[in-house]
Amino acid sequence: QGLVVIRMGESAGQSQLALSSFDNELW
């Protein structure tokens, strides 16, 4: 898709080391 998506910030709710529920919700 020629896409780059970036996000910086505090925890979106679950303080995880990598994957969290945020990834799937955002996409």
PDB file of all heavy atoms in Angstrom:
ATOM      1  N   GLN A   1       0.810  -1.220   0.000  1.00  0.00           N
ATOM      2  CA  GLN A   1       0.000   0.000   0.000  1.00  0.00           C
ATOM      3  C   GLN A   1       0.843   1.270   0.000  1.00  0.00           C
ATOM      4  O   GLN A   1       0.293   2.380  -0.010  1.00  0.00           O
ATOM      5  CB  GLN A   1      -0.920   0.006   1.232  1.00  0.00           C
ATOM      6  CG  GLN A   1      -1.841  -1.192   1.326  1.00  0.00           C
ATOM      7  CD  GLN A   1      -2.888  -1.203   0.235  1.00  0.00           C
ATOM      8  OE1 GLN A   1      -3.403  -0.154  -0.150  1.00  0.00           O
ATOM      9  NE2 GLN A   1      -3.217  -2.370  -0.284  1.00  0.00           N
ATOM     10  N   GLY A   2       2.163   1.135   0.035  1.00  0.00           N
ATOM     11  CA  GLY A   2       3.025   2.309   0.110  1.00  0.00           C
ATOM     12  C   GLY A   2       2.825   3.106   1.381  1.00  0.00           C
ATOM     13  O   GLY A   2       2.993   4.322   1.403  1.00  0.00           O
ATOM     14  N   LEU A   3       2.487   2.403   2.471  1.00  0.00           N
ATOM     15  CA  LEU A   3       2.139   3.074   3.723  1.00  0.00           C
ATOM     16  C   LEU A   3       3.241   2.966   4.768  1.00  0.00           C
ATOM     17  O   LEU A   3       3.877   1.917   4.923  1.00  0.00           O
ATOM     18  CB  LEU A   3       0.875   2.460   4.317  1.00  0.00           C
ATOM     19  CG  LEU A   3      -0.465   2.742   3.634  1.00  0.00           C
ATOM     20  CD1 LEU A   3      -1.557   1.881   4.266  1.00  0.00           C
ATOM     21  CD2 LEU A   3      -0.823   4.228   3.727  1.00  0.00           C
ATOM     22  N   VAL A   4       3.430   4.056   5.495  1.00  0.00           N
ATOM     23  CA  VAL A   4       4.180   4.067   6.756  1.00  0.00           C
ATOM     24  C   VAL A   4       3.286   4.759   7.767  1.00  0.00           C
ATOM     25  O   VAL A   4       2.783   5.860   7.510  1.00  0.00           O
ATOM     26  CB  VAL A   4       5.519   4.821   6.633  1.00  0.00           C
ATOM     27  CG1 VAL A   4       6.188   4.949   8.003  1.00  0.00           C
ATOM     28  CG2 VAL A   4       6.452   4.119   5.652  1.00  0.00           C
ATOM     29  N   VAL A   5       3.069   4.111   8.910  1.00  0.00           N
ATOM     30  CA  VAL A   5       2.235   4.683   9.969  1.00  0.00           C
ATOM     31  C   VAL A   5       3.039   4.661  11.255  1.00  0.00           C
ATOM     32  O   VAL A   5       3.607   3.632  11.619  1.00  0.00           O
ATOM     33  CB  VAL A   5       0.923   3.884  10.151  1.00  0.00           C
ATOM     34  CG1 VAL A   5       0.076   4.482  11.267  1.00  0.00           C
ATOM     35  CG2 VAL A   5       0.134   3.834   8.841  1.00  0.00           C
ATOM     36  N   ILE A   6       3.115   5.808  11.943  1.00  0.00           N
ATOM     37  CA  ILE A   6       3.863   5.839  13.194  1.00  0.00           C
ATOM     38  C   ILE A   6       2.978   6.392  14.312  1.00  0.00           C
ATOM     39  O   ILE A   6       2.078   7.204  14.091  1.00  0.00           O
ATOM     40  CB  ILE A   6       5.191   6.635  13.065  1.00  0.00           C
ATOM     41  CG1 ILE A   6       4.941   8.131  13.017  1.00  0.00           C
ATOM     42  CG2 ILE A   6       5.975   6.183  11.849  1.00  0.00           C
ATOM     43  CD1 ILE A   6       5.283   8.807  14.313  1.00  0.00           C
ATOM     44  N   ARG A   7       3.261   5.906  15.501  1.00  0.00           N
ATOM     45  CA  ARG A   7       2.561   6.384  16.701  1.00  0.00           C
ATOM     46  C   ARG A   7       3.551   6.462  17.838  1.00  0.00           C
ATOM     47  O   ARG A   7       4.285   5.513  18.119  1.00  0.00           O
ATOM     48  CB  ARG A   7       1.425   5.420  17.051  1.00  0.00           C
ATOM     49  CG  ARG A   7       0.517   5.896  18.198  1.00  0.00           C
ATOM     50  CD  ARG A   7       0.930   5.374  19.562  1.00  0.00           C
ATOM     51  NE  ARG A   7      -0.049   5.737  20.603  1.00  0.00           N
ATOM     52  CZ  ARG A   7       0.158   5.588  21.917  1.00  0.00           C
ATOM     53  NH1 ARG A   7       1.299   5.091  22.373  1.00  0.00           N
ATOM     54  NH2 ARG A   7      -0.776   5.945  22.779  1.00  0.00           N
ATOM     55  N   MET A   8       3.598   7.606  18.522  1.00  0.00           N
ATOM     56  CA  MET A   8       4.374   7.802  19.745  1.00  0.00           C
ATOM     57  C   MET A   8       3.406   8.164  20.865  1.00  0.00           C
ATOM     58  O   MET A   8       2.382   8.801  20.622  1.00  0.00           O
ATOM     59  CB  MET A   8       5.372   8.948  19.597  1.00  0.00           C
ATOM     60  CG  MET A   8       6.594   8.681  18.781  1.00  0.00           C
ATOM     61  SD  MET A   8       7.643  10.174  18.692  1.00  0.00           S
ATOM     62  CE  MET A   8       9.203   9.430  18.217  1.00  0.00           C
ATOM     63  N   GLY A   9       3.742   7.782  22.087  1.00  0.00           N
ATOM     64  CA  GLY A   9       2.909   8.198  23.202  1.00  0.00           C
ATOM     65  C   GLY A   9       3.083   7.364  24.444  1.00  0.00           C
ATOM     66  O   GLY A   9       3.981   6.529  24.540  1.00  0.00           O
ATOM     67  N   GLU A  10       2.199   7.621  25.399  1.00  0.00           N
ATOM     68  CA  GLU A  10       2.124   6.788  26.596  1.00  0.00           C
ATOM     69  C   GLU A  10       1.397   5.500  26.237  1.00  0.00           C
ATOM     70  O   GLU A  10       0.864   5.346  25.129  1.00  0.00           O
ATOM     71  CB  GLU A  10       1.368   7.530  27.700  1.00  0.00           C
ATOM     72  CG  GLU A  10       1.921   8.892  28.068  1.00  0.00           C
ATOM     73  CD  GLU A  10       3.133   8.821  28.977  1.00  0.00           C
ATOM     74  OE1 GLU A  10       3.556   7.700  29.340  1.00  0.00           O
ATOM     75  OE2 GLU A  10       3.672   9.896  29.321  1.00  0.00           O
ATOM     76  N   SER A  11       1.342   4.577  27.178  1.00  0.00           N
ATOM     77  CA  SER A  11       0.614   3.339  26.950  1.00  0.00           C
ATOM     78  C   SER A  11      -0.827   3.627  26.540  1.00  0.00           C
ATOM     79  O   SER A  11      -1.488   4.492  27.108  1.00  0.00           O
ATOM     80  CB  SER A  11       0.618   2.487  28.222  1.00  0.00           C
ATOM     81  OG  SER A  11      -0.306   1.432  28.119  1.00  0.00           O
ATOM     82  N   ALA A  12      -1.308   2.884  25.535  1.00  0.00           N
ATOM     83  CA  ALA A  12      -2.689   3.043  25.081  1.00  0.00           C
ATOM     84  C   ALA A  12      -3.679   2.335  25.990  1.00  0.00           C
ATOM     85  O   ALA A  12      -4.872   2.348  25.730  1.00  0.00           O
ATOM     86  CB  ALA A  12      -2.836   2.521  23.659  1.00  0.00           C
ATOM     87  N   GLY A  13      -3.179   1.722  27.059  1.00  0.00           N
ATOM     88  CA  GLY A  13      -4.078   1.085  28.021  1.00  0.00           C
ATOM     89  C   GLY A  13      -3.510  -0.160  28.653  1.00  0.00           C
ATOM     90  O   GLY A  13      -3.711  -0.423  29.831  1.00  0.00           O
ATOM     91  N   GLN A  14      -2.790  -0.940  27.859  1.00  0.00           N
ATOM     92  CA  GLN A  14      -2.114  -2.133  28.370  1.00  0.00           C
ATOM     93  C   GLN A  14      -0.615  -1.903  28.240  1.00  0.00           C
ATOM     94  O   GLN A  14      -0.119  -1.720  27.129  1.00  0.00           O
ATOM     95  CB  GLN A  14      -2.509  -3.375  27.566  1.00  0.00           C
ATOM     96  CG  GLN A  14      -3.991  -3.705  27.597  1.00  0.00           C
ATOM     97  CD  GLN A  14      -4.325  -4.820  26.613  1.00  0.00           C
ATOM     98  OE1 GLN A  14      -3.696  -4.933  25.565  1.00  0.00           O
ATOM     99  NE2 GLN A  14      -5.284  -5.648  26.966  1.00  0.00           N
ATOM    100  N   SER A  15       0.101  -1.925  29.345  1.00  0.00           N
ATOM    101  CA  SER A  15       1.532  -1.650  29.289  1.00  0.00           C
ATOM    102  C   SER A  15       2.270  -2.897  28.819  1.00  0.00           C
ATOM    103  O   SER A  15       2.752  -3.693  29.615  1.00  0.00           O
ATOM    104  CB  SER A  15       2.052  -1.205  30.666  1.00  0.00           C
ATOM    105  OG  SER A  15       3.419  -0.850  30.585  1.00  0.00           O
ATOM    106  N   GLN A  16       2.330  -3.055  27.489  1.00  0.00           N
ATOM    107  CA  GLN A  16       2.926  -4.241  26.892  1.00  0.00           C
ATOM    108  C   GLN A  16       4.290  -3.918  26.295  1.00  0.00           C
ATOM    109  O   GLN A  16       4.582  -2.777  25.946  1.00  0.00           O
ATOM    110  CB  GLN A  16       2.005  -4.798  25.810  1.00  0.00           C
ATOM    111  CG  GLN A  16       0.562  -5.042  26.261  1.00  0.00           C
ATOM    112  CD  GLN A  16       0.412  -6.209  27.220  1.00  0.00           C
ATOM    113  OE1 GLN A  16       1.403  -6.763  27.688  1.00  0.00           O
ATOM    114  NE2 GLN A  16      -0.813  -6.583  27.536  1.00  0.00           N
ATOM    115  N   LEU A  17       5.094  -4.956  26.130  1.00  0.00           N
ATOM    116  CA  LEU A  17       6.429  -4.777  25.579  1.00  0.00           C
ATOM    117  C   LEU A  17       6.414  -4.598  24.066  1.00  0.00           C
ATOM    118  O   LEU A  17       7.304  -3.999  23.493  1.00  0.00           O
ATOM    119  CB  LEU A  17       7.323  -5.968  25.929  1.00  0.00           C
ATOM    120  CG  LEU A  17       7.582  -6.203  27.419  1.00  0.00           C
ATOM    121  CD1 LEU A  17       8.487  -7.408  27.608  1.00  0.00           C
ATOM    122  CD2 LEU A  17       8.220  -4.975  28.057  1.00  0.00           C
ATOM    123  N   ALA A  18       5.422  -5.150  23.381  1.00  0.00           N
ATOM    124  CA  ALA A  18       5.389  -5.063  21.921  1.00  0.00           C
ATOM    125  C   ALA A  18       3.944  -4.943  21.455  1.00  0.00           C
ATOM    126  O   ALA A  18       3.381  -3.861  21.449  1.00  0.00           O
ATOM    127  CB  ALA A  18       6.078  -6.288  21.307  1.00  0.00           C
ATOM    128  N   LEU A  19       3.350  -6.081  21.085  1.00  0.00           N
ATOM    129  CA  LEU A  19       1.960  -6.080  20.627  1.00  0.00           C
ATOM    130  C   LEU A  19       1.001  -5.820  21.781  1.00  0.00           C
ATOM    131  O   LEU A  19       1.208  -6.281  22.896  1.00  0.00           O
ATOM    132  CB  LEU A  19       1.638  -7.441  20.003  1.00  0.00           C
ATOM    133  CG  LEU A  19       0.302  -7.576  19.279  1.00  0.00           C
ATOM    134  CD1 LEU A  19       0.351  -6.889  17.926  1.00  0.00           C
ATOM    135  CD2 LEU A  19      -0.072  -9.041  19.134  1.00  0.00           C
ATOM    136  N   SER A  20      -0.076  -5.057  21.488  1.00  0.00           N
ATOM    137  CA  SER A  20      -1.165  -4.896  22.448  1.00  0.00           C
ATOM    138  C   SER A  20      -2.467  -4.859  21.658  1.00  0.00           C
ATOM    139  O   SER A  20      -2.462  -4.872  20.421  1.00  0.00           O
ATOM    140  CB  SER A  20      -0.995  -3.603  23.264  1.00  0.00           C
ATOM    141  OG  SER A  20      -1.331  -2.460  22.486  1.00  0.00           O
ATOM    142  N   SER A  21      -3.580  -4.764  22.338  1.00  0.00           N
ATOM    143  CA  SER A  21      -4.866  -4.689  21.644  1.00  0.00           C
ATOM    144  C   SER A  21      -4.971  -3.434  20.787  1.00  0.00           C
ATOM    145  O   SER A  21      -5.763  -3.376  19.839  1.00  0.00           O
ATOM    146  CB  SER A  21      -6.015  -4.737  22.659  1.00  0.00           C
ATOM    147  OG  SER A  21      -5.918  -3.659  23.581  1.00  0.00           O
ATOM    148  N   PHE A  22      -4.183  -2.407  21.096  1.00  0.00           N
ATOM    149  CA  PHE A  22      -4.177  -1.159  20.346  1.00  0.00           C
ATOM    150  C   PHE A  22      -3.894  -1.382  18.866  1.00  0.00           C
ATOM    151  O   PHE A  22      -4.513  -0.744  18.003  1.00  0.00           O
ATOM    152  CB  PHE A  22      -3.140  -0.206  20.950  1.00  0.00           C
ATOM    153  CG  PHE A  22      -2.885   1.043  20.151  1.00  0.00           C
ATOM    154  CD1 PHE A  22      -3.722   2.141  20.272  1.00  0.00           C
ATOM    155  CD2 PHE A  22      -1.806   1.120  19.282  1.00  0.00           C
ATOM    156  CE1 PHE A  22      -3.484   3.302  19.530  1.00  0.00           C
ATOM    157  CE2 PHE A  22      -1.562   2.267  18.539  1.00  0.00           C
ATOM    158  CZ  PHE A  22      -2.413   3.357  18.663  1.00  0.00           C
ATOM    159  N   ASP A  23      -2.961  -2.294  18.550  1.00  0.00           N
ATOM    160  CA  ASP A  23      -2.567  -2.499  17.158  1.00  0.00           C
ATOM    161  C   ASP A  23      -3.772  -2.858  16.289  1.00  0.00           C
ATOM    162  O   ASP A  23      -4.012  -2.240  15.249  1.00  0.00           O
ATOM    163  CB  ASP A  23      -1.510  -3.610  17.068  1.00  0.00           C
ATOM    164  CG  ASP A  23      -0.234  -3.269  17.797  1.00  0.00           C
ATOM    165  OD1 ASP A  23       0.663  -2.662  17.186  1.00  0.00           O
ATOM    166  OD2 ASP A  23      -0.137  -3.588  18.993  1.00  0.00           O
ATOM    167  N   ASN A  24      -4.510  -3.862  16.711  1.00  0.00           N
ATOM    168  CA  ASN A  24      -5.637  -4.319  15.904  1.00  0.00           C
ATOM    169  C   ASN A  24      -6.775  -3.294  15.883  1.00  0.00           C
ATOM    170  O   ASN A  24      -7.430  -3.093  14.858  1.00  0.00           O
ATOM    171  CB  ASN A  24      -6.142  -5.666  16.419  1.00  0.00           C
ATOM    172  CG  ASN A  24      -6.871  -6.441  15.334  1.00  0.00           C
ATOM    173  OD1 ASN A  24      -6.417  -6.521  14.194  1.00  0.00           O
ATOM    174  ND2 ASN A  24      -8.009  -7.015  15.687  1.00  0.00           N
ATOM    175  N   GLU A  25      -7.000  -2.627  17.017  1.00  0.00           N
ATOM    176  CA  GLU A  25      -8.044  -1.595  17.066  1.00  0.00           C
ATOM    177  C   GLU A  25      -7.720  -0.450  16.115  1.00  0.00           C
ATOM    178  O   GLU A  25      -8.581   0.030  15.367  1.00  0.00           O
ATOM    179  CB  GLU A  25      -8.195  -1.072  18.496  1.00  0.00           C
ATOM    180  CG  GLU A  25      -8.806  -2.070  19.458  1.00  0.00           C
ATOM    181  CD  GLU A  25      -8.748  -1.598  20.906  1.00  0.00           C
ATOM    182  OE1 GLU A  25      -8.293  -0.453  21.147  1.00  0.00           O
ATOM    183  OE2 GLU A  25      -9.140  -2.372  21.790  1.00  0.00           O
ATOM    184  N   LEU A  26      -6.475   0.012  16.129  1.00  0.00           N
ATOM    185  CA  LEU A  26      -6.080   1.110  15.262  1.00  0.00           C
ATOM    186  C   LEU A  26      -6.249   0.735  13.797  1.00  0.00           C
ATOM    187  O   LEU A  26      -6.799   1.517  12.999  1.00  0.00           O
ATOM    188  CB  LEU A  26      -4.636   1.524  15.537  1.00  0.00           C
ATOM    189  CG  LEU A  26      -4.066   2.581  14.585  1.00  0.00           C
ATOM    190  CD1 LEU A  26      -4.837   3.893  14.689  1.00  0.00           C
ATOM    191  CD2 LEU A  26      -2.581   2.815  14.845  1.00  0.00           C
ATOM    192  N   TRP A  27      -5.783  -0.443  13.415  1.00  0.00           N
ATOM    193  CA  TRP A  27      -5.870  -0.833  12.009  1.00  0.00           C
ATOM    194  C   TRP A  27      -7.315  -1.079  11.583  1.00  0.00           C
ATOM    195  O   TRP A  27      -7.648  -0.897  10.410  1.00  0.00           O
ATOM    196  CB  TRP A  27      -4.965  -2.025  11.725  1.00  0.00           C
ATOM    197  CG  TRP A  27      -3.559  -1.541  11.534  1.00  0.00           C
ATOM    198  CD1 TRP A  27      -2.568  -1.479  12.466  1.00  0.00           C
ATOM    199  CD2 TRP A  27      -3.023  -0.957  10.344  1.00  0.00           C
ATOM    200  NE1 TRP A  27      -1.438  -0.907  11.940  1.00  0.00           N
ATOM    201  CE2 TRP A  27      -1.686  -0.582  10.636  1.00  0.00           C
ATOM    202  CE3 TRP A  27      -3.523  -0.726   9.067  1.00  0.00           C
ATOM    203  CZ2 TRP A  27      -0.857   0.020   9.689  1.00  0.00           C
ATOM    204  CZ3 TRP A  27      -2.702  -0.136   8.117  1.00  0.00           C
ATOM    205  CH2 TRP A  27      -1.386   0.236   8.427  1.00  0.00           C
TER     206      TRP A  27
END
